[in-house]
N, C-alpha and C. Protein backbone atom coordinates (compact mmCIF):
# COMPACT_ATOMS: atom_id res chain seq x y z
N MET A 1 -34.50 43.53 -24.31
CA MET A 1 -35.74 42.78 -24.25
C MET A 1 -35.51 41.59 -23.32
N PRO A 2 -36.40 41.37 -22.36
CA PRO A 2 -36.27 40.22 -21.45
C PRO A 2 -36.38 38.90 -22.19
N LEU A 3 -35.98 37.82 -21.55
CA LEU A 3 -35.92 36.51 -22.18
C LEU A 3 -36.75 35.48 -21.45
N VAL A 4 -37.49 34.67 -22.22
CA VAL A 4 -38.29 33.57 -21.71
C VAL A 4 -37.82 32.31 -22.42
N PHE A 5 -37.68 31.20 -21.71
CA PHE A 5 -37.31 29.92 -22.32
C PHE A 5 -38.52 29.01 -22.38
N SER A 6 -38.72 28.35 -23.51
CA SER A 6 -39.80 27.39 -23.67
C SER A 6 -39.22 26.06 -24.10
N GLY A 7 -39.54 25.00 -23.39
CA GLY A 7 -39.12 23.66 -23.75
C GLY A 7 -40.31 22.79 -24.09
N GLU A 8 -41.31 23.38 -24.70
CA GLU A 8 -42.53 22.65 -25.04
C GLU A 8 -42.21 21.52 -26.02
N ALA A 9 -43.01 20.50 -26.00
CA ALA A 9 -42.80 19.35 -26.86
C ALA A 9 -43.14 19.63 -28.32
N MET A 10 -43.96 20.65 -28.57
CA MET A 10 -44.37 20.93 -29.95
C MET A 10 -43.18 21.34 -30.80
N ALA A 11 -43.22 20.98 -32.07
CA ALA A 11 -42.11 21.23 -32.97
C ALA A 11 -42.04 22.68 -33.41
N ALA A 12 -43.16 23.36 -33.57
CA ALA A 12 -43.13 24.72 -34.09
C ALA A 12 -44.20 25.57 -33.44
N LEU A 13 -43.92 26.85 -33.35
CA LEU A 13 -44.90 27.81 -32.86
C LEU A 13 -45.42 28.59 -34.07
N GLU A 14 -46.55 29.25 -33.89
CA GLU A 14 -47.12 30.05 -34.96
C GLU A 14 -47.46 31.43 -34.41
N ILE A 15 -47.37 32.45 -35.26
CA ILE A 15 -47.74 33.80 -34.88
C ILE A 15 -49.21 33.80 -34.45
N GLY A 16 -49.47 34.45 -33.32
CA GLY A 16 -50.81 34.50 -32.75
C GLY A 16 -51.08 33.40 -31.73
N GLN A 17 -50.25 32.39 -31.69
CA GLN A 17 -50.42 31.28 -30.76
C GLN A 17 -50.12 31.73 -29.33
N ASP A 18 -50.84 31.19 -28.36
CA ASP A 18 -50.60 31.45 -26.95
C ASP A 18 -49.85 30.26 -26.37
N ILE A 19 -48.75 30.54 -25.69
CA ILE A 19 -48.00 29.47 -25.04
C ILE A 19 -47.69 29.92 -23.61
N CYS A 20 -48.36 29.29 -22.67
CA CYS A 20 -48.18 29.56 -21.24
C CYS A 20 -48.36 31.04 -20.91
N GLY A 21 -49.36 31.68 -21.52
CA GLY A 21 -49.66 33.07 -21.23
C GLY A 21 -48.88 34.09 -22.05
N TRP A 22 -48.10 33.63 -23.00
CA TRP A 22 -47.33 34.52 -23.88
C TRP A 22 -47.86 34.38 -25.30
N GLU A 23 -48.25 35.50 -25.92
CA GLU A 23 -48.72 35.49 -27.30
C GLU A 23 -47.53 35.67 -28.23
N VAL A 24 -47.42 34.79 -29.22
CA VAL A 24 -46.33 34.85 -30.20
C VAL A 24 -46.63 35.98 -31.19
N LEU A 25 -45.70 36.96 -31.29
CA LEU A 25 -45.90 38.11 -32.16
C LEU A 25 -45.14 38.01 -33.49
N SER A 26 -43.88 37.59 -33.42
CA SER A 26 -43.08 37.51 -34.65
C SER A 26 -41.88 36.58 -34.45
N HIS A 27 -41.36 36.12 -35.57
CA HIS A 27 -40.18 35.25 -35.59
C HIS A 27 -38.94 36.14 -35.62
N LEU A 28 -38.01 35.93 -34.68
CA LEU A 28 -36.79 36.74 -34.62
C LEU A 28 -35.58 36.03 -35.23
N GLY A 29 -35.53 34.71 -35.15
CA GLY A 29 -34.39 33.99 -35.70
C GLY A 29 -34.38 32.53 -35.29
N SER A 30 -33.54 31.76 -35.96
CA SER A 30 -33.41 30.32 -35.67
C SER A 30 -31.95 29.95 -35.63
N GLY A 31 -31.65 28.94 -34.82
CA GLY A 31 -30.28 28.45 -34.72
C GLY A 31 -30.28 26.99 -34.35
N SER A 32 -29.11 26.48 -34.04
CA SER A 32 -28.97 25.05 -33.75
C SER A 32 -29.67 24.64 -32.45
N GLN A 33 -29.87 25.58 -31.53
CA GLN A 33 -30.49 25.25 -30.25
C GLN A 33 -31.95 25.66 -30.15
N GLY A 34 -32.54 26.14 -31.24
CA GLY A 34 -33.95 26.50 -31.18
C GLY A 34 -34.29 27.70 -32.02
N THR A 35 -35.48 28.22 -31.79
CA THR A 35 -36.01 29.36 -32.52
C THR A 35 -36.38 30.45 -31.53
N THR A 36 -36.11 31.69 -31.89
CA THR A 36 -36.41 32.82 -31.01
C THR A 36 -37.58 33.60 -31.58
N TRP A 37 -38.54 33.89 -30.69
CA TRP A 37 -39.76 34.59 -31.07
C TRP A 37 -39.94 35.84 -30.21
N GLU A 38 -40.57 36.86 -30.76
CA GLU A 38 -41.00 38.00 -29.96
C GLU A 38 -42.37 37.63 -29.40
N VAL A 39 -42.56 37.81 -28.10
CA VAL A 39 -43.82 37.45 -27.44
C VAL A 39 -44.29 38.59 -26.54
N ARG A 40 -45.57 38.54 -26.14
CA ARG A 40 -46.14 39.54 -25.24
C ARG A 40 -47.09 38.83 -24.28
N ASN A 41 -47.05 39.23 -23.00
CA ASN A 41 -47.98 38.64 -22.04
C ASN A 41 -49.22 39.52 -21.89
N ALA A 42 -50.16 39.13 -21.05
CA ALA A 42 -51.42 39.86 -20.88
C ALA A 42 -51.22 41.26 -20.33
N ASP A 43 -50.11 41.51 -19.64
CA ASP A 43 -49.81 42.84 -19.10
C ASP A 43 -49.14 43.75 -20.13
N GLY A 44 -48.90 43.22 -21.34
CA GLY A 44 -48.26 44.01 -22.38
C GLY A 44 -46.76 43.95 -22.37
N VAL A 45 -46.18 43.15 -21.48
CA VAL A 45 -44.72 43.01 -21.42
C VAL A 45 -44.25 42.22 -22.63
N ARG A 46 -43.31 42.81 -23.36
CA ARG A 46 -42.73 42.13 -24.53
C ARG A 46 -41.42 41.47 -24.11
N ALA A 47 -41.16 40.31 -24.71
CA ALA A 47 -39.95 39.56 -24.40
C ALA A 47 -39.54 38.75 -25.61
N ALA A 48 -38.33 38.23 -25.56
CA ALA A 48 -37.86 37.27 -26.54
C ALA A 48 -38.04 35.89 -25.93
N MET A 49 -38.67 34.97 -26.66
CA MET A 49 -38.85 33.61 -26.18
C MET A 49 -37.96 32.68 -27.01
N LYS A 50 -37.07 31.99 -26.34
CA LYS A 50 -36.25 30.99 -27.02
C LYS A 50 -36.98 29.66 -26.87
N HIS A 51 -37.42 29.11 -27.99
CA HIS A 51 -38.19 27.87 -27.99
C HIS A 51 -37.29 26.71 -28.40
N PHE A 52 -37.12 25.78 -27.50
CA PHE A 52 -36.35 24.57 -27.76
C PHE A 52 -37.34 23.43 -27.89
N ALA A 53 -37.55 22.94 -29.10
CA ALA A 53 -38.53 21.87 -29.34
C ALA A 53 -37.94 20.53 -28.92
N LEU A 54 -38.51 19.94 -27.89
CA LEU A 54 -38.02 18.65 -27.39
C LEU A 54 -38.10 17.57 -28.46
N VAL A 55 -39.10 17.65 -29.33
CA VAL A 55 -39.24 16.61 -30.36
C VAL A 55 -38.12 16.67 -31.39
N ASP A 56 -37.42 17.81 -31.47
CA ASP A 56 -36.31 17.95 -32.42
C ASP A 56 -34.95 17.61 -31.81
N ALA A 57 -34.91 17.34 -30.52
CA ALA A 57 -33.63 17.05 -29.87
C ALA A 57 -33.06 15.74 -30.39
N LYS A 58 -31.79 15.78 -30.76
CA LYS A 58 -31.13 14.58 -31.29
C LYS A 58 -30.77 13.60 -30.17
N ASP A 59 -30.51 14.14 -28.98
CA ASP A 59 -30.18 13.30 -27.83
C ASP A 59 -30.41 14.10 -26.55
N TRP A 60 -30.25 13.44 -25.40
CA TRP A 60 -30.49 14.10 -24.11
C TRP A 60 -29.46 15.16 -23.81
N LYS A 61 -28.29 15.08 -24.43
CA LYS A 61 -27.25 16.09 -24.21
C LYS A 61 -27.76 17.46 -24.65
N GLN A 62 -28.48 17.54 -25.76
CA GLN A 62 -29.05 18.81 -26.22
C GLN A 62 -30.05 19.36 -25.21
N VAL A 63 -30.85 18.48 -24.63
CA VAL A 63 -31.82 18.91 -23.62
C VAL A 63 -31.08 19.45 -22.40
N GLU A 64 -30.04 18.76 -21.97
CA GLU A 64 -29.25 19.21 -20.82
C GLU A 64 -28.60 20.57 -21.08
N LEU A 65 -28.09 20.79 -22.29
CA LEU A 65 -27.46 22.06 -22.63
C LEU A 65 -28.47 23.21 -22.59
N ALA A 66 -29.67 22.96 -23.10
CA ALA A 66 -30.72 23.99 -23.08
C ALA A 66 -31.11 24.32 -21.63
N GLU A 67 -31.24 23.31 -20.80
CA GLU A 67 -31.57 23.53 -19.39
C GLU A 67 -30.45 24.30 -18.68
N ARG A 68 -29.21 23.96 -19.00
CA ARG A 68 -28.07 24.64 -18.38
C ARG A 68 -28.03 26.11 -18.80
N GLU A 69 -28.30 26.38 -20.08
CA GLU A 69 -28.31 27.76 -20.55
C GLU A 69 -29.35 28.58 -19.79
N ALA A 70 -30.53 28.03 -19.60
CA ALA A 70 -31.58 28.75 -18.86
C ALA A 70 -31.14 29.00 -17.41
N LYS A 71 -30.53 28.01 -16.77
CA LYS A 71 -30.08 28.16 -15.37
C LYS A 71 -29.00 29.23 -15.25
N VAL A 72 -28.05 29.26 -16.19
CA VAL A 72 -26.98 30.25 -16.15
C VAL A 72 -27.55 31.65 -16.36
N LEU A 73 -28.40 31.82 -17.37
CA LEU A 73 -28.97 33.14 -17.64
C LEU A 73 -29.81 33.66 -16.47
N LYS A 74 -30.42 32.75 -15.74
CA LYS A 74 -31.24 33.14 -14.59
C LYS A 74 -30.43 33.91 -13.55
N HIS A 75 -29.14 33.62 -13.46
CA HIS A 75 -28.30 34.22 -12.44
C HIS A 75 -27.43 35.37 -12.94
N LEU A 76 -27.51 35.69 -14.23
CA LEU A 76 -26.70 36.79 -14.77
C LEU A 76 -27.44 38.11 -14.66
N ASP A 77 -26.70 39.17 -14.42
CA ASP A 77 -27.27 40.51 -14.35
C ASP A 77 -26.28 41.46 -15.01
N HIS A 78 -26.52 41.75 -16.29
CA HIS A 78 -25.63 42.61 -17.06
C HIS A 78 -26.46 43.35 -18.10
N PRO A 79 -26.21 44.64 -18.32
CA PRO A 79 -27.03 45.42 -19.25
C PRO A 79 -26.99 44.92 -20.70
N ALA A 80 -25.96 44.17 -21.07
CA ALA A 80 -25.85 43.68 -22.46
C ALA A 80 -26.45 42.28 -22.63
N ILE A 81 -26.97 41.70 -21.55
CA ILE A 81 -27.55 40.36 -21.60
C ILE A 81 -29.03 40.47 -21.26
N PRO A 82 -29.91 39.87 -22.08
CA PRO A 82 -31.35 39.94 -21.77
C PRO A 82 -31.65 39.40 -20.37
N ALA A 83 -32.53 40.08 -19.67
CA ALA A 83 -32.94 39.64 -18.33
C ALA A 83 -33.80 38.39 -18.44
N PHE A 84 -33.50 37.40 -17.64
CA PHE A 84 -34.24 36.15 -17.62
C PHE A 84 -35.58 36.35 -16.93
N ILE A 85 -36.68 35.87 -17.53
CA ILE A 85 -37.99 35.98 -16.91
C ILE A 85 -38.47 34.63 -16.39
N ASP A 86 -38.46 33.61 -17.25
CA ASP A 86 -39.06 32.32 -16.87
C ASP A 86 -38.59 31.23 -17.82
N ALA A 87 -38.73 30.00 -17.39
CA ALA A 87 -38.49 28.83 -18.23
C ALA A 87 -39.60 27.83 -17.96
N PHE A 88 -40.11 27.23 -18.99
CA PHE A 88 -41.17 26.23 -18.85
C PHE A 88 -41.09 25.24 -19.98
């Protein structure tokens, strides 16, 4: 499943919510760096969206780490790693 990164300021997403053209379908999991959701765009493309809530960041280092993760994934091409689609 392809991967989308979201750094929206909102603390939480909800099923059915639209975020930058992606409809939130289901909750996949949560961790220390954010929450992962299954999403679908208007073309029917399904992806995993990793949502990093800026309002929950303890410091700027967490924000920098999330940005770095998105930049690294953007350049990786491996069948065992989700393909990077976008970050916003």
